[in-house]
């Protein structure tokens, strides 16, 4: 009898866990009203991975980019592209680390190119 209960419990739990992705995909509606989430509704596992893995790496990348910007500043000043270097090495990684919604793939809602969203190029 104990073997039967263990087997039945195992089958019930396996079936229940296997059906979770089906119910989760049915609940992808955006209820926050945020237009960023309307364009991109990230699932919970993407948010968890972003919080645990991506955000710390992006914050470290922003710090390394700031350090590289300071090192390259004399050369950027000679070349006349200090703003572009600052934007590429510090602003973009910082925006991805601190402005991007949790689990989203990009902070740019319109998906435009670098030239479209770059305010420094006239």
C-alpha atoms as a PDB file:
ATOM      1  CA  UNK A   1       0.000   0.000   0.000  1.00  0.00           C
ATOM      2  CA  UNK A   2       2.856   2.353   0.760  1.00  0.00           C
ATOM      3  CA  UNK A   3       4.353   1.793  -2.710  1.00  0.00           C
ATOM      4  CA  UNK A   4       0.998   2.597  -4.322  1.00  0.00           C
ATOM      5  CA  UNK A   5       0.667   5.880  -2.386  1.00  0.00           C
ATOM      6  CA  UNK A   6       4.212   6.927  -3.262  1.00  0.00           C
ATOM      7  CA  UNK A   7       3.698   6.189  -6.942  1.00  0.00           C
ATOM      8  CA  UNK A   8       0.332   7.960  -7.050  1.00  0.00           C
ATOM      9  CA  UNK A   9       1.728  11.004  -5.249  1.00  0.00           C
ATOM     10  CA  UNK A  10       4.681  11.115  -7.627  1.00  0.00           C
ATOM     11  CA  UNK A  11       2.406  10.956 -10.688  1.00  0.00           C
ATOM     12  CA  UNK A  12       0.099  13.643  -9.316  1.00  0.00           C
ATOM     13  CA  UNK A  13       2.988  15.986  -8.560  1.00  0.00           C
ATOM     14  CA  UNK A  14       4.620  15.354 -11.951  1.00  0.00           C
ATOM     15  CA  UNK A  15       1.356  16.053 -13.767  1.00  0.00           C
ATOM     16  CA  UNK A  16       0.767  19.192 -11.716  1.00  0.00           C
ATOM     17  CA  UNK A  17       4.259  20.531 -12.324  1.00  0.00           C
ATOM     18  CA  UNK A  18       4.098  19.685 -16.013  1.00  0.00           C
ATOM     19  CA  UNK A  19       0.894  21.700 -16.415  1.00  0.00           C
ATOM     20  CA  UNK A  20       2.331  24.874 -14.803  1.00  0.00           C
ATOM     21  CA  UNK A  21       3.834  26.267 -18.034  1.00  0.00           C
ATOM     22  CA  UNK A  22       0.446  25.899 -19.733  1.00  0.00           C
ATOM     23  CA  UNK A  23      -1.315  27.968 -17.105  1.00  0.00           C
ATOM     24  CA  UNK A  24       1.513  30.497 -16.981  1.00  0.00           C
ATOM     25  CA  UNK A  25       1.399  31.093 -20.736  1.00  0.00           C
ATOM     26  CA  UNK A  26      -2.338  31.703 -20.519  1.00  0.00           C
ATOM     27  CA  UNK A  27      -1.733  34.534 -18.018  1.00  0.00           C
ATOM     28  CA  UNK A  28       0.564  36.728 -20.151  1.00  0.00           C
ATOM     29  CA  UNK A  29      -1.842  39.677 -20.139  1.00  0.00           C
ATOM     30  CA  UNK A  30      -0.363  43.008 -19.148  1.00  0.00           C
ATOM     31  CA  UNK A  31      -2.142  44.376 -16.102  1.00  0.00           C
ATOM     32  CA  UNK A  32       0.404  47.023 -15.088  1.00  0.00           C
ATOM     33  CA  UNK A  33      -0.523  49.601 -17.724  1.00  0.00           C
ATOM     34  CA  UNK A  34       3.166  50.405 -18.260  1.00  0.00           C
ATOM     35  CA  UNK A  35       3.803  50.855 -22.020  1.00  0.00           C
ATOM     36  CA  UNK A  36       7.174  49.115 -21.697  1.00  0.00           C
ATOM     37  CA  UNK A  37       5.455  45.976 -20.485  1.00  0.00           C
ATOM     38  CA  UNK A  38       2.822  46.340 -23.180  1.00  0.00           C
ATOM     39  CA  UNK A  39       5.563  46.031 -25.794  1.00  0.00           C
ATOM     40  CA  UNK A  40       7.426  43.324 -23.944  1.00  0.00           C
ATOM     41  CA  UNK A  41       5.863  41.223 -21.173  1.00  0.00           C
ATOM     42  CA  UNK A  42       8.753  39.241 -19.682  1.00  0.00           C
ATOM     43  CA  UNK A  43       8.014  35.976 -17.871  1.00  0.00           C
ATOM     44  CA  UNK A  44       9.000  35.397 -14.248  1.00  0.00           C
ATOM     45  CA  UNK A  45      12.069  33.297 -15.070  1.00  0.00           C
ATOM     46  CA  UNK A  46      13.414  36.125 -17.251  1.00  0.00           C
ATOM     47  CA  UNK A  47      12.926  38.579 -14.403  1.00  0.00           C
ATOM     48  CA  UNK A  48      14.679  36.262 -11.935  1.00  0.00           C
ATOM     49  CA  UNK A  49      17.598  35.680 -14.304  1.00  0.00           C
ATOM     50  CA  UNK A  50      17.844  39.393 -14.981  1.00  0.00           C
ATOM     51  CA  UNK A  51      17.886  40.216 -11.268  1.00  0.00           C
ATOM     52  CA  UNK A  52      20.376  37.517 -10.262  1.00  0.00           C
ATOM     53  CA  UNK A  53      22.717  37.390 -13.273  1.00  0.00           C
ATOM     54  CA  UNK A  54      22.309  40.254 -15.726  1.00  0.00           C
ATOM     55  CA  UNK A  55      21.947  43.278 -13.439  1.00  0.00           C
ATOM     56  CA  UNK A  56      25.110  42.620 -11.398  1.00  0.00           C
ATOM     57  CA  UNK A  57      27.055  42.050 -14.629  1.00  0.00           C
ATOM     58  CA  UNK A  58      25.657  45.247 -16.151  1.00  0.00           C
ATOM     59  CA  UNK A  59      26.514  47.254 -13.043  1.00  0.00           C
ATOM     60  CA  UNK A  60      30.054  45.856 -13.165  1.00  0.00           C
ATOM     61  CA  UNK A  61      30.157  46.651 -16.883  1.00  0.00           C
ATOM     62  CA  UNK A  62      29.130  50.228 -16.145  1.00  0.00           C
ATOM     63  CA  UNK A  63      31.936  50.559 -13.590  1.00  0.00           C
ATOM     64  CA  UNK A  64      34.486  49.068 -16.000  1.00  0.00           C
ATOM     65  CA  UNK A  65      33.167  51.338 -18.774  1.00  0.00           C
ATOM     66  CA  UNK A  66      33.592  54.379 -16.536  1.00  0.00           C
ATOM     67  CA  UNK A  67      37.149  53.323 -15.795  1.00  0.00           C
ATOM     68  CA  UNK A  68      37.869  52.803 -19.500  1.00  0.00           C
ATOM     69  CA  UNK A  69      36.306  56.173 -20.271  1.00  0.00           C
ATOM     70  CA  UNK A  70      38.633  57.906 -17.809  1.00  0.00           C
ATOM     71  CA  UNK A  71      41.628  56.099 -19.322  1.00  0.00           C
ATOM     72  CA  UNK A  72      40.573  56.964 -22.881  1.00  0.00           C
ATOM     73  CA  UNK A  73      39.577  60.546 -22.064  1.00  0.00           C
ATOM     74  CA  UNK A  74      42.821  62.199 -23.281  1.00  0.00           C
ATOM     75  CA  UNK A  75      42.626  60.331 -26.588  1.00  0.00           C
ATOM     76  CA  UNK A  76      38.912  61.030 -26.962  1.00  0.00           C
ATOM     77  CA  UNK A  77      39.534  64.722 -26.280  1.00  0.00           C
ATOM     78  CA  UNK A  78      42.217  64.811 -28.979  1.00  0.00           C
ATOM     79  CA  UNK A  79      39.861  63.104 -31.405  1.00  0.00           C
ATOM     80  CA  UNK A  80      36.940  65.340 -30.477  1.00  0.00           C
ATOM     81  CA  UNK A  81      34.571  62.524 -29.564  1.00  0.00           C
ATOM     82  CA  UNK A  82      34.320  62.760 -25.764  1.00  0.00           C
ATOM     83  CA  UNK A  83      30.509  62.747 -25.800  1.00  0.00           C
ATOM     84  CA  UNK A  84      30.322  59.680 -28.019  1.00  0.00           C
ATOM     85  CA  UNK A  85      32.855  57.814 -25.868  1.00  0.00           C
ATOM     86  CA  UNK A  86      30.964  58.721 -22.692  1.00  0.00           C
ATOM     87  CA  UNK A  87      27.699  57.623 -24.236  1.00  0.00           C
ATOM     88  CA  UNK A  88      29.068  54.296 -25.454  1.00  0.00           C
ATOM     89  CA  UNK A  89      31.145  53.397 -22.384  1.00  0.00           C
ATOM     90  CA  UNK A  90      29.078  54.777 -19.494  1.00  0.00           C
ATOM     91  CA  UNK A  91      25.588  55.935 -20.454  1.00  0.00           C
ATOM     92  CA  UNK A  92      24.398  52.933 -22.474  1.00  0.00           C
ATOM     93  CA  UNK A  93      25.523  50.251 -19.966  1.00  0.00           C
ATOM     94  CA  UNK A  94      24.160  52.383 -17.133  1.00  0.00           C
ATOM     95  CA  UNK A  95      20.825  52.768 -18.864  1.00  0.00           C
ATOM     96  CA  UNK A  96      20.600  49.029 -19.445  1.00  0.00           C
ATOM     97  CA  UNK A  97      21.484  48.368 -15.787  1.00  0.00           C
ATOM     98  CA  UNK A  98      19.282  50.961 -14.086  1.00  0.00           C
ATOM     99  CA  UNK A  99      16.514  52.087 -16.463  1.00  0.00           C
ATOM    100  CA  UNK A 100      15.546  48.900 -18.293  1.00  0.00           C
ATOM    101  CA  UNK A 101      12.522  47.093 -16.875  1.00  0.00           C
ATOM    102  CA  UNK A 102      13.211  43.854 -15.030  1.00  0.00           C
ATOM    103  CA  UNK A 103      13.323  41.000 -17.535  1.00  0.00           C
ATOM    104  CA  UNK A 104      13.079  43.206 -20.637  1.00  0.00           C
ATOM    105  CA  UNK A 105      15.720  42.800 -23.313  1.00  0.00           C
ATOM    106  CA  UNK A 106      16.320  46.488 -24.042  1.00  0.00           C
ATOM    107  CA  UNK A 107      15.607  49.872 -22.503  1.00  0.00           C
ATOM    108  CA  UNK A 108      14.759  51.299 -25.943  1.00  0.00           C
ATOM    109  CA  UNK A 109      11.024  50.866 -26.363  1.00  0.00           C
ATOM    110  CA  UNK A 110      10.986  52.024 -29.988  1.00  0.00           C
ATOM    111  CA  UNK A 111      13.780  49.672 -31.076  1.00  0.00           C
ATOM    112  CA  UNK A 112      15.417  52.365 -33.207  1.00  0.00           C
ATOM    113  CA  UNK A 113      19.014  52.340 -34.289  1.00  0.00           C
ATOM    114  CA  UNK A 114      21.869  54.064 -32.483  1.00  0.00           C
ATOM    115  CA  UNK A 115      21.775  57.039 -34.864  1.00  0.00           C
ATOM    116  CA  UNK A 116      18.018  57.456 -34.378  1.00  0.00           C
ATOM    117  CA  UNK A 117      18.265  57.681 -30.598  1.00  0.00           C
ATOM    118  CA  UNK A 118      21.648  59.398 -30.288  1.00  0.00           C
ATOM    119  CA  UNK A 119      21.134  63.003 -29.240  1.00  0.00           C
ATOM    120  CA  UNK A 120      24.735  63.975 -29.883  1.00  0.00           C
ATOM    121  CA  UNK A 121      24.747  63.557 -33.643  1.00  0.00           C
ATOM    122  CA  UNK A 122      23.219  66.463 -35.521  1.00  0.00           C
END
